[in-house]
Amino acid sequence: QLQLVESGGGLVQPGGSLRLSCVVSGFTLDYYTIGWFRQAPGKEREGVSCIGRSGGTTNYADSVKGRFTISRDNAKNTVSLQMNSLNPEDTAIYYCAARRRDRCAKNINFYEYDYWGQGTQVTVSS
């Protein structure tokens, strides 16, 4: 059974940092591109970042570029999202998702991903 589980969300003050993790099971991470998405109340799901199968290709939404870093450890079946300099606009539920195709495109579209985790809440507030 293919499963993705996010963790690491929480409440953080503006300017703070969080590290999200996505642990996968039921499949071999090596064969999947992984994306991080977020959805704030009343807004559409937004692609935040993605990473190709080998980790050699990464892309970021303009809104997080320079603040977020995606990485993966295939041996540990884990993909991480380091989030620095957080601001209230980053508040959302964050999801990781997987797609079999080895393509991490500049436009990170949610409909291109097949498998999803349940999400983890990130709240940035003073």
Foldseek 3Di string as FASTA:
>chain_A
DWAKAKDFADEAAAQAKIKMKIAIDPDQLLQKKKWKWWDDPPDDIATAKIAFNVRPDMEGDPVQPPFWDWGDDRVRRMIMIIGGRDDQVPWTWMKMFIARDRDTDNGDDPVRTDGIHPTDTHGYHD
